[in-house]
């Protein structure tokens, strides 16, 4: 029997974090124009539509901080997935909408940090020296996968498969003990 067609057969965008940051800033500047005519209560994140089937934000501040720390330390922060379409609820007059399918918690963490919601390594985003901001934005690879589906059922299937296939780790499976002092003495960690 032949294998089925690939569901996540999209374009891989090898972006650094600065691409997402720039998109966020443009979205904030043009919020009224970008959201005019969309359904009441439509949620947006950094210029991306949060689909109606997405779970709410569940990451607490500690997880958000850890993600930003990982980016600063040069650790991989994964990839994220969005869908481009003009044929789903909320689209009007051929306008393209970008539905965020995977990565909402991570994008939300960066969005909150850029809004000064919490400090990382002792400083909030606005307090961080410009050279360090540029280093984070330009040197943090955060690739995206762009799909182009107009059938919401396919998008829901992609979402479910990407978000409900793993098994959560338990505390006893951690590789790093609770005592992170040795890392701090090397200039790493908190």
N, C-alpha and C. Protein backbone atom coordinates (compact mmCIF):
# COMPACT_ATOMS: atom_id res chain seq x y z
N UNK A 1 0.84 -1.18 0.00
CA UNK A 1 0.00 0.00 0.00
C UNK A 1 0.88 1.25 0.00
N UNK A 2 0.51 2.21 -0.78
CA UNK A 2 1.28 3.45 -0.87
C UNK A 2 1.05 4.32 0.37
N UNK A 3 2.08 5.03 0.75
CA UNK A 3 1.95 5.95 1.88
C UNK A 3 1.07 7.13 1.49
N UNK A 4 0.39 7.74 2.48
CA UNK A 4 -0.44 8.91 2.18
C UNK A 4 0.43 10.13 1.86
N UNK A 5 -0.20 11.11 1.27
CA UNK A 5 0.45 12.38 0.96
C UNK A 5 0.90 13.05 2.27
N UNK A 6 2.00 13.76 2.22
CA UNK A 6 2.50 14.48 3.39
C UNK A 6 1.53 15.61 3.77
N UNK A 7 1.24 15.72 5.06
CA UNK A 7 0.34 16.79 5.53
C UNK A 7 1.09 18.10 5.71
N UNK A 8 2.30 18.00 6.23
CA UNK A 8 3.09 19.19 6.53
C UNK A 8 4.12 19.39 5.43
N UNK A 9 3.62 19.45 4.22
CA UNK A 9 4.48 19.59 3.05
C UNK A 9 4.52 21.07 2.68
N UNK A 10 5.31 21.82 3.42
CA UNK A 10 5.33 23.26 3.22
C UNK A 10 6.72 23.77 2.92
N UNK A 11 6.85 25.06 3.02
CA UNK A 11 8.12 25.75 2.78
C UNK A 11 8.78 25.97 4.13
N UNK A 12 10.04 25.59 4.25
CA UNK A 12 10.78 25.84 5.48
C UNK A 12 11.43 27.22 5.37
N UNK A 13 11.07 28.09 6.28
CA UNK A 13 11.62 29.45 6.32
C UNK A 13 12.74 29.47 7.36
N UNK A 14 13.97 29.61 6.91
CA UNK A 14 15.12 29.61 7.82
C UNK A 14 15.31 31.01 8.39
N UNK A 15 14.41 31.38 9.27
CA UNK A 15 14.42 32.73 9.84
C UNK A 15 15.17 32.77 11.15
N UNK A 16 15.72 33.93 11.42
CA UNK A 16 16.22 34.19 12.77
C UNK A 16 15.12 34.95 13.51
N UNK A 17 15.29 35.12 14.79
CA UNK A 17 14.26 35.73 15.62
C UNK A 17 13.95 37.16 15.19
N UNK A 18 14.89 37.83 14.52
CA UNK A 18 14.63 39.21 14.10
C UNK A 18 13.47 39.31 13.11
N UNK A 19 13.27 38.30 12.28
CA UNK A 19 12.15 38.31 11.33
C UNK A 19 10.82 38.33 12.08
N UNK A 20 10.71 37.52 13.11
CA UNK A 20 9.49 37.48 13.92
C UNK A 20 9.31 38.79 14.69
N UNK A 21 10.40 39.32 15.22
CA UNK A 21 10.34 40.58 15.97
C UNK A 21 9.88 41.72 15.06
N UNK A 22 10.43 41.80 13.86
CA UNK A 22 10.02 42.84 12.91
C UNK A 22 8.55 42.70 12.55
N UNK A 23 8.10 41.48 12.32
CA UNK A 23 6.68 41.25 12.00
C UNK A 23 5.81 41.71 13.15
N UNK A 24 6.21 41.41 14.37
CA UNK A 24 5.48 41.83 15.56
C UNK A 24 5.37 43.35 15.63
N UNK A 25 6.48 44.03 15.42
CA UNK A 25 6.48 45.49 15.49
C UNK A 25 5.57 46.11 14.43
N UNK A 26 5.63 45.59 13.21
CA UNK A 26 4.76 46.09 12.13
C UNK A 26 3.29 45.83 12.45
N UNK A 27 3.01 44.67 13.03
CA UNK A 27 1.62 44.34 13.39
C UNK A 27 1.11 45.31 14.45
N UNK A 28 1.91 45.60 15.45
CA UNK A 28 1.50 46.53 16.51
C UNK A 28 1.24 47.91 15.91
N UNK A 29 2.12 48.36 15.02
CA UNK A 29 1.96 49.68 14.39
C UNK A 29 0.69 49.77 13.56
N UNK A 30 0.29 48.68 12.92
CA UNK A 30 -0.86 48.67 12.02
C UNK A 30 -2.00 47.81 12.54
N UNK A 31 -2.13 47.71 13.85
CA UNK A 31 -3.11 46.80 14.44
C UNK A 31 -4.52 47.03 13.93
N UNK A 32 -4.97 48.27 13.91
CA UNK A 32 -6.35 48.57 13.49
C UNK A 32 -6.59 48.11 12.05
N UNK A 33 -5.66 48.42 11.15
CA UNK A 33 -5.82 48.02 9.75
C UNK A 33 -5.79 46.51 9.59
N UNK A 34 -4.88 45.86 10.30
CA UNK A 34 -4.70 44.42 10.16
C UNK A 34 -5.88 43.61 10.69
N UNK A 35 -6.56 44.14 11.71
CA UNK A 35 -7.61 43.36 12.36
C UNK A 35 -9.02 43.81 11.99
N UNK A 36 -9.14 44.86 11.22
CA UNK A 36 -10.46 45.37 10.83
C UNK A 36 -11.23 44.29 10.06
N UNK A 37 -12.47 44.06 10.46
CA UNK A 37 -13.32 43.10 9.77
C UNK A 37 -13.15 41.66 10.20
N UNK A 38 -12.26 41.40 11.14
CA UNK A 38 -12.11 40.02 11.61
C UNK A 38 -13.19 39.73 12.65
N UNK A 39 -13.48 38.46 12.89
CA UNK A 39 -14.55 38.12 13.84
C UNK A 39 -14.29 38.70 15.23
N UNK A 40 -15.35 39.12 15.93
CA UNK A 40 -15.18 39.63 17.29
C UNK A 40 -14.50 38.58 18.17
N UNK A 41 -13.59 39.04 19.00
CA UNK A 41 -12.90 38.14 19.90
C UNK A 41 -11.74 37.38 19.27
N UNK A 42 -11.47 37.64 17.99
CA UNK A 42 -10.35 36.94 17.33
C UNK A 42 -9.06 37.24 18.07
N UNK A 43 -8.30 36.23 18.39
CA UNK A 43 -7.03 36.41 19.09
C UNK A 43 -5.89 36.42 18.08
N UNK A 44 -4.91 37.27 18.35
CA UNK A 44 -3.74 37.42 17.50
C UNK A 44 -2.49 37.31 18.35
N UNK A 45 -1.41 36.87 17.75
CA UNK A 45 -0.13 36.80 18.43
C UNK A 45 0.97 37.13 17.44
N UNK A 46 1.60 38.25 17.63
CA UNK A 46 2.71 38.70 16.78
C UNK A 46 2.33 38.73 15.30
N UNK A 47 1.08 39.06 15.02
CA UNK A 47 0.61 39.15 13.64
C UNK A 47 0.01 37.87 13.09
N UNK A 48 -0.06 36.84 13.89
CA UNK A 48 -0.61 35.55 13.46
C UNK A 48 -1.96 35.33 14.14
N UNK A 49 -2.90 34.77 13.40
CA UNK A 49 -4.22 34.44 13.94
C UNK A 49 -4.09 33.19 14.82
N UNK A 50 -4.69 33.25 15.99
CA UNK A 50 -4.77 32.05 16.83
C UNK A 50 -6.04 31.32 16.41
N UNK A 51 -5.91 30.14 15.81
CA UNK A 51 -7.09 29.41 15.35
C UNK A 51 -8.03 29.07 16.51
N UNK A 52 -9.30 28.87 16.21
CA UNK A 52 -10.27 28.60 17.27
C UNK A 52 -10.01 27.30 18.03
N UNK A 53 -9.23 26.40 17.45
CA UNK A 53 -8.97 25.11 18.11
C UNK A 53 -7.70 25.12 18.95
N UNK A 54 -6.95 26.22 18.95
CA UNK A 54 -5.73 26.28 19.76
C UNK A 54 -6.07 26.29 21.24
N UNK A 55 -5.25 25.64 22.04
CA UNK A 55 -5.45 25.69 23.48
C UNK A 55 -5.04 27.09 23.98
N UNK A 56 -5.47 27.45 25.17
CA UNK A 56 -5.06 28.75 25.71
C UNK A 56 -3.58 28.73 26.11
N UNK A 57 -3.07 29.87 26.45
CA UNK A 57 -1.69 29.96 26.93
C UNK A 57 -1.60 29.20 28.25
N UNK A 58 -0.63 28.29 28.33
CA UNK A 58 -0.47 27.49 29.56
C UNK A 58 0.91 27.66 30.19
N UNK A 59 1.85 28.22 29.45
CA UNK A 59 3.18 28.39 30.03
C UNK A 59 3.15 29.46 31.10
N UNK A 60 3.76 29.14 32.24
CA UNK A 60 3.91 30.14 33.28
C UNK A 60 5.18 30.95 33.00
N UNK A 61 5.41 31.95 33.84
CA UNK A 61 6.54 32.84 33.61
C UNK A 61 7.88 32.09 33.62
N UNK A 62 8.02 31.11 34.49
CA UNK A 62 9.28 30.37 34.57
C UNK A 62 9.61 29.68 33.24
N UNK A 63 8.62 29.09 32.61
CA UNK A 63 8.86 28.44 31.31
C UNK A 63 9.22 29.47 30.25
N UNK A 64 8.55 30.62 30.30
CA UNK A 64 8.86 31.68 29.34
C UNK A 64 10.31 32.15 29.51
N UNK A 65 10.70 32.35 30.75
CA UNK A 65 12.08 32.78 31.03
C UNK A 65 13.07 31.74 30.53
N UNK A 66 12.80 30.47 30.80
CA UNK A 66 13.71 29.41 30.38
C UNK A 66 13.89 29.36 28.86
N UNK A 67 12.81 29.61 28.12
CA UNK A 67 12.92 29.62 26.67
C UNK A 67 13.82 30.76 26.20
N UNK A 68 13.59 31.96 26.74
CA UNK A 68 14.41 33.11 26.33
C UNK A 68 15.86 32.88 26.75
N UNK A 69 16.08 32.35 27.94
CA UNK A 69 17.45 32.01 28.36
C UNK A 69 18.09 31.04 27.37
N UNK A 70 17.36 30.03 26.96
CA UNK A 70 17.89 29.05 26.00
C UNK A 70 18.30 29.72 24.71
N UNK A 71 17.49 30.65 24.23
CA UNK A 71 17.83 31.38 23.01
C UNK A 71 19.10 32.20 23.20
N UNK A 72 19.21 32.88 24.33
CA UNK A 72 20.40 33.69 24.62
C UNK A 72 21.64 32.80 24.70
N UNK A 73 21.49 31.62 25.27
CA UNK A 73 22.62 30.69 25.42
C UNK A 73 22.96 29.95 24.13
N UNK A 74 22.18 30.19 23.08
CA UNK A 74 22.47 29.56 21.79
C UNK A 74 21.95 28.15 21.65
N UNK A 75 21.02 27.77 22.50
CA UNK A 75 20.43 26.43 22.41
C UNK A 75 19.28 26.45 21.42
N UNK A 76 19.02 25.34 20.80
CA UNK A 76 17.92 25.26 19.85
C UNK A 76 16.58 25.49 20.53
N UNK A 77 15.72 26.24 19.88
CA UNK A 77 14.39 26.50 20.44
C UNK A 77 13.29 25.94 19.55
N UNK A 78 13.67 25.05 18.65
CA UNK A 78 12.69 24.37 17.81
C UNK A 78 12.24 25.18 16.62
N UNK A 79 11.16 24.75 16.04
CA UNK A 79 10.57 25.44 14.90
C UNK A 79 9.09 25.64 15.20
N UNK A 80 8.42 26.34 14.35
CA UNK A 80 7.00 26.59 14.53
C UNK A 80 6.32 26.52 13.17
N UNK A 81 5.00 26.42 13.17
CA UNK A 81 4.26 26.18 11.93
C UNK A 81 3.12 27.19 11.81
N UNK A 82 2.99 27.75 10.61
CA UNK A 82 1.85 28.61 10.33
C UNK A 82 1.29 28.27 8.95
N UNK A 83 0.04 28.63 8.75
CA UNK A 83 -0.65 28.35 7.49
C UNK A 83 -1.06 29.67 6.85
N UNK A 84 -0.82 29.79 5.55
CA UNK A 84 -1.21 30.97 4.78
C UNK A 84 -2.45 30.63 3.97
N UNK A 85 -3.48 31.45 4.12
CA UNK A 85 -4.71 31.21 3.35
C UNK A 85 -5.53 32.48 3.24
N UNK A 86 -6.40 32.51 2.27
CA UNK A 86 -7.39 33.57 2.17
C UNK A 86 -8.79 32.96 2.15
N UNK A 87 -8.88 31.70 2.57
CA UNK A 87 -10.13 30.96 2.42
C UNK A 87 -10.59 30.28 3.71
N UNK A 88 -10.34 30.95 4.85
CA UNK A 88 -10.79 30.42 6.13
C UNK A 88 -11.58 31.50 6.87
N UNK A 89 -12.29 31.14 7.94
CA UNK A 89 -13.08 32.15 8.66
C UNK A 89 -12.23 33.36 9.04
N UNK A 90 -12.81 34.54 8.84
CA UNK A 90 -12.12 35.78 9.18
C UNK A 90 -11.41 36.43 8.02
N UNK A 91 -11.21 35.71 6.92
CA UNK A 91 -10.56 36.28 5.74
C UNK A 91 -11.62 37.00 4.91
N UNK A 92 -11.27 38.16 4.39
CA UNK A 92 -12.22 38.90 3.58
C UNK A 92 -11.52 39.51 2.37
N UNK A 93 -12.24 39.61 1.28
CA UNK A 93 -11.75 40.28 0.07
C UNK A 93 -10.37 39.79 -0.37
N UNK A 94 -10.13 38.50 -0.28
CA UNK A 94 -8.86 37.96 -0.73
C UNK A 94 -7.69 38.23 0.19
N UNK A 95 -7.95 38.79 1.38
CA UNK A 95 -6.88 39.09 2.32
C UNK A 95 -6.29 37.80 2.87
N UNK A 96 -4.98 37.74 2.94
CA UNK A 96 -4.31 36.55 3.45
C UNK A 96 -4.25 36.61 4.98
N UNK A 97 -4.51 35.50 5.60
CA UNK A 97 -4.34 35.38 7.04
C UNK A 97 -3.34 34.27 7.32
N UNK A 98 -2.60 34.47 8.37
CA UNK A 98 -1.59 33.51 8.80
C UNK A 98 -2.09 32.87 10.10
N UNK A 99 -2.44 31.60 10.02
CA UNK A 99 -2.92 30.87 11.19
C UNK A 99 -1.74 30.17 11.86
N UNK A 100 -1.55 30.45 13.14
CA UNK A 100 -0.48 29.82 13.91
C UNK A 100 -0.91 28.43 14.33
N UNK A 101 -0.25 27.41 13.79
CA UNK A 101 -0.64 26.02 14.07
C UNK A 101 0.19 25.39 15.18
N UNK A 102 1.44 25.77 15.29
CA UNK A 102 2.31 25.20 16.31
C UNK A 102 3.33 26.25 16.71
N UNK A 103 3.58 26.36 18.02
CA UNK A 103 4.56 27.31 18.52
C UNK A 103 3.97 28.45 19.32
N UNK A 104 2.66 28.38 19.60
CA UNK A 104 2.00 29.49 20.30
C UNK A 104 2.65 29.80 21.64
N UNK A 105 2.99 28.79 22.42
CA UNK A 105 3.57 29.04 23.75
C UNK A 105 4.93 29.73 23.62
N UNK A 106 5.73 29.30 22.65
CA UNK A 106 7.06 29.91 22.45
C UNK A 106 6.95 31.34 21.92
N UNK A 107 6.08 31.56 20.94
CA UNK A 107 5.90 32.92 20.44
C UNK A 107 5.37 33.84 21.53
N UNK A 108 4.46 33.31 22.34
CA UNK A 108 3.92 34.10 23.45
C UNK A 108 5.03 34.47 24.44
N UNK A 109 5.94 33.54 24.71
CA UNK A 109 7.04 33.82 25.63
C UNK A 109 7.89 34.98 25.12
N UNK A 110 8.25 34.94 23.84
CA UNK A 110 9.04 36.04 23.28
C UNK A 110 8.25 37.34 23.26
N UNK A 111 6.98 37.27 22.92
CA UNK A 111 6.12 38.46 22.89
C UNK A 111 6.08 39.12 24.26
N UNK A 112 5.92 38.33 25.29
CA UNK A 112 5.90 38.87 26.66
C UNK A 112 7.25 39.47 27.04
N UNK A 113 8.34 38.81 26.66
CA UNK A 113 9.66 39.35 26.98
C UNK A 113 9.87 40.69 26.26
N UNK A 114 9.50 40.76 24.99
CA UNK A 114 9.64 42.01 24.25
C UNK A 114 8.75 43.11 24.83
N UNK A 115 7.69 42.73 25.54
CA UNK A 115 6.81 43.69 26.22
C UNK A 115 7.27 44.00 27.64
N UNK A 116 8.47 43.54 28.03
CA UNK A 116 9.02 43.79 29.36
C UNK A 116 8.25 43.12 30.49
N UNK A 117 7.58 42.02 30.21
CA UNK A 117 6.77 41.35 31.23
C UNK A 117 7.61 40.68 32.31
N UNK A 118 8.86 40.33 32.00
CA UNK A 118 9.72 39.66 32.97
C UNK A 118 11.18 39.89 32.60
N UNK A 119 12.07 39.84 33.59
CA UNK A 119 13.50 39.96 33.30
C UNK A 119 14.10 38.60 32.95
N UNK A 120 15.16 38.63 32.17
CA UNK A 120 15.94 37.45 31.84
C UNK A 120 17.40 37.81 32.09
N UNK A 121 18.07 36.97 32.84
CA UNK A 121 19.45 37.25 33.25
C UNK A 121 19.57 38.66 33.82
N UNK A 122 18.58 39.05 34.62
CA UNK A 122 18.65 40.29 35.37
C UNK A 122 18.13 41.55 34.69
N UNK A 123 17.71 41.46 33.44
CA UNK A 123 17.19 42.68 32.80
C UNK A 123 16.00 42.39 31.90
N UNK A 124 15.12 43.36 31.85
CA UNK A 124 13.99 43.29 30.94
C UNK A 124 14.47 43.69 29.55
N UNK A 125 13.65 43.43 28.53
CA UNK A 125 14.05 43.70 27.15
C UNK A 125 14.50 45.15 26.98
N UNK A 126 13.73 46.11 27.48
CA UNK A 126 14.06 47.52 27.29
C UNK A 126 15.32 47.93 28.05
N UNK A 127 15.72 47.16 29.04
CA UNK A 127 16.92 47.45 29.82
C UNK A 127 18.16 46.75 29.25
N UNK A 128 17.96 45.86 28.32
CA UNK A 128 19.05 45.08 27.74
C UNK A 128 19.83 45.95 26.77
N UNK A 129 21.17 45.97 26.87
CA UNK A 129 21.96 46.77 25.92
C UNK A 129 21.64 46.39 24.47
N UNK A 130 21.65 47.38 23.60
CA UNK A 130 21.28 47.17 22.20
C UNK A 130 22.11 46.06 21.56
N UNK A 131 23.40 45.99 21.87
CA UNK A 131 24.26 44.96 21.26
C UNK A 131 23.78 43.55 21.63
N UNK A 132 23.27 43.39 22.86
CA UNK A 132 22.75 42.09 23.28
C UNK A 132 21.40 41.80 22.63
N UNK A 133 20.59 42.83 22.46
CA UNK A 133 19.32 42.66 21.75
C UNK A 133 19.58 42.19 20.32
N UNK A 134 20.52 42.85 19.65
CA UNK A 134 20.86 42.49 18.26
C UNK A 134 21.41 41.07 18.21
N UNK A 135 22.24 40.71 19.18
CA UNK A 135 22.78 39.35 19.23
C UNK A 135 21.67 38.32 19.34
N UNK A 136 20.70 38.56 20.23
CA UNK A 136 19.59 37.63 20.38
C UNK A 136 18.77 37.54 19.10
N UNK A 137 18.42 38.68 18.53
CA UNK A 137 17.56 38.70 17.35
C UNK A 137 18.23 38.11 16.12
N UNK A 138 19.49 38.45 15.90
CA UNK A 138 20.17 38.02 14.68
C UNK A 138 20.77 36.62 14.76
N UNK A 139 21.12 36.18 15.95
CA UNK A 139 21.82 34.90 16.09
C UNK A 139 20.94 33.75 16.57
N UNK A 140 19.68 34.01 16.81
CA UNK A 140 18.77 32.95 17.25
C UNK A 140 17.97 32.45 16.07
N UNK A 141 18.30 31.26 15.60
CA UNK A 141 17.54 30.67 14.50
C UNK A 141 16.22 30.13 15.05
N UNK A 142 15.15 30.53 14.41
CA UNK A 142 13.81 30.10 14.81
C UNK A 142 13.02 29.81 13.54
N UNK A 143 13.38 28.72 12.86
CA UNK A 143 12.76 28.43 11.57
C UNK A 143 11.26 28.16 11.67
N UNK A 144 10.59 28.50 10.61
CA UNK A 144 9.14 28.29 10.52
C UNK A 144 8.83 27.42 9.32
N UNK A 145 7.77 26.66 9.44
CA UNK A 145 7.27 25.88 8.32
C UNK A 145 5.96 26.52 7.88
N UNK A 146 5.90 26.91 6.63
CA UNK A 146 4.72 27.56 6.07
C UNK A 146 3.94 26.56 5.24
N UNK A 147 2.69 26.34 5.62
CA UNK A 147 1.81 25.47 4.84
C UNK A 147 0.76 26.33 4.14
N UNK A 148 0.08 25.72 3.18
CA UNK A 148 -0.97 26.44 2.45
C UNK A 148 -2.16 25.50 2.24
N UNK A 149 -2.95 25.37 3.30
CA UNK A 149 -4.17 24.56 3.25
C UNK A 149 -5.38 25.47 3.42
N UNK A 150 -6.45 25.17 2.71
CA UNK A 150 -7.68 25.94 2.88
C UNK A 150 -8.77 25.12 3.56
N UNK A 151 -8.46 23.91 3.92
CA UNK A 151 -9.43 23.04 4.59
C UNK A 151 -9.09 23.00 6.09
N UNK A 152 -9.98 23.55 6.90
CA UNK A 152 -9.73 23.62 8.33
C UNK A 152 -9.58 22.24 8.96
N UNK A 153 -10.20 21.23 8.39
CA UNK A 153 -10.07 19.87 8.93
C UNK A 153 -8.62 19.39 8.86
N UNK A 154 -7.94 19.73 7.77
CA UNK A 154 -6.52 19.36 7.63
C UNK A 154 -5.69 20.10 8.68
N UNK A 155 -5.98 21.38 8.88
CA UNK A 155 -5.24 22.17 9.87
C UNK A 155 -5.45 21.62 11.27
N UNK A 156 -6.66 21.21 11.56
CA UNK A 156 -6.94 20.62 12.88
C UNK A 156 -6.19 19.29 13.06
N UNK A 157 -6.12 18.50 12.01
CA UNK A 157 -5.38 17.23 12.07
C UNK A 157 -3.89 17.49 12.30
N UNK A 158 -3.33 18.46 11.58
CA UNK A 158 -1.92 18.82 11.78
C UNK A 158 -1.70 19.24 13.22
N UNK A 159 -2.55 20.11 13.72
CA UNK A 159 -2.43 20.60 15.09
C UNK A 159 -2.46 19.44 16.09
N UNK A 160 -3.44 18.56 15.96
CA UNK A 160 -3.55 17.43 16.88
C UNK A 160 -2.32 16.53 16.82
N UNK A 161 -1.86 16.23 15.64
CA UNK A 161 -0.71 15.34 15.52
C UNK A 161 0.56 15.97 16.09
N UNK A 162 0.70 17.27 15.93
CA UNK A 162 1.90 17.93 16.43
C UNK A 162 1.86 18.16 17.93
N UNK A 163 0.69 18.22 18.52
CA UNK A 163 0.59 18.60 19.92
C UNK A 163 0.16 17.49 20.87
N UNK A 164 -0.25 16.37 20.35
CA UNK A 164 -0.74 15.32 21.24
C UNK A 164 -0.05 13.98 21.01
N UNK A 165 1.11 13.98 20.40
CA UNK A 165 1.79 12.73 20.12
C UNK A 165 2.88 12.38 21.10
N UNK A 166 3.36 13.36 21.86
CA UNK A 166 4.48 13.13 22.76
C UNK A 166 4.05 12.68 24.14
N UNK A 167 5.03 12.28 24.93
CA UNK A 167 4.81 11.90 26.31
C UNK A 167 5.63 12.85 27.18
N UNK A 168 4.98 13.48 28.12
CA UNK A 168 5.66 14.43 29.00
C UNK A 168 6.73 13.73 29.83
N UNK A 169 7.85 14.42 30.05
CA UNK A 169 8.90 13.90 30.91
C UNK A 169 8.47 14.03 32.37
N UNK A 170 9.07 13.21 33.20
CA UNK A 170 8.84 13.30 34.64
C UNK A 170 10.08 13.90 35.28
N UNK A 171 9.94 14.36 36.52
CA UNK A 171 11.04 15.03 37.22
C UNK A 171 12.27 14.13 37.34
N UNK A 172 12.08 12.84 37.55
CA UNK A 172 13.22 11.93 37.71
C UNK A 172 13.96 11.67 36.40
N UNK A 173 13.43 12.16 35.28
CA UNK A 173 14.10 11.98 33.99
C UNK A 173 14.94 13.19 33.59
N UNK A 174 15.03 14.18 34.47
CA UNK A 174 15.83 15.38 34.17
C UNK A 174 17.30 15.02 34.07
N UNK A 175 18.00 15.67 33.16
CA UNK A 175 19.43 15.44 33.00
C UNK A 175 20.24 16.34 33.92
N UNK A 176 19.66 17.46 34.33
CA UNK A 176 20.35 18.42 35.19
C UNK A 176 19.71 18.37 36.57
N UNK A 177 20.52 18.17 37.60
CA UNK A 177 19.95 18.16 38.95
C UNK A 177 19.46 19.56 39.33
N UNK A 178 18.68 19.63 40.38
CA UNK A 178 18.15 20.92 40.82
C UNK A 178 19.24 21.91 41.18
N UNK A 179 20.40 21.43 41.60
CA UNK A 179 21.51 22.31 41.97
C UNK A 179 22.26 22.73 40.70
N UNK A 180 22.03 23.96 40.26
CA UNK A 180 22.67 24.45 39.04
C UNK A 180 23.89 25.30 39.34
N UNK A 181 24.37 25.30 40.56
CA UNK A 181 25.51 26.14 40.93
C UNK A 181 26.73 25.91 40.06
N UNK A 182 27.10 24.67 39.72
CA UNK A 182 28.27 24.49 38.85
C UNK A 182 28.13 25.23 37.52
N UNK A 183 26.94 25.28 36.94
CA UNK A 183 26.75 26.00 35.69
C UNK A 183 26.92 27.50 35.89
N UNK A 184 26.43 28.01 37.00
CA UNK A 184 26.53 29.44 37.26
C UNK A 184 27.99 29.87 37.40
N UNK A 185 28.83 29.01 37.99
CA UNK A 185 30.24 29.37 38.15
C UNK A 185 30.98 29.39 36.82
N UNK A 186 30.41 28.72 35.80
CA UNK A 186 31.02 28.73 34.46
C UNK A 186 30.45 29.84 33.59
N UNK A 187 29.57 30.66 34.17
CA UNK A 187 28.97 31.73 33.40
C UNK A 187 27.75 31.30 32.61
N UNK A 188 27.24 30.11 32.90
CA UNK A 188 26.05 29.60 32.21
C UNK A 188 24.92 29.46 33.20
N UNK A 189 23.73 29.37 32.72
CA UNK A 189 22.58 29.19 33.59
C UNK A 189 22.26 30.44 34.37
N UNK A 190 21.53 30.25 35.46
CA UNK A 190 21.09 31.43 36.24
C UNK A 190 22.04 31.80 37.31
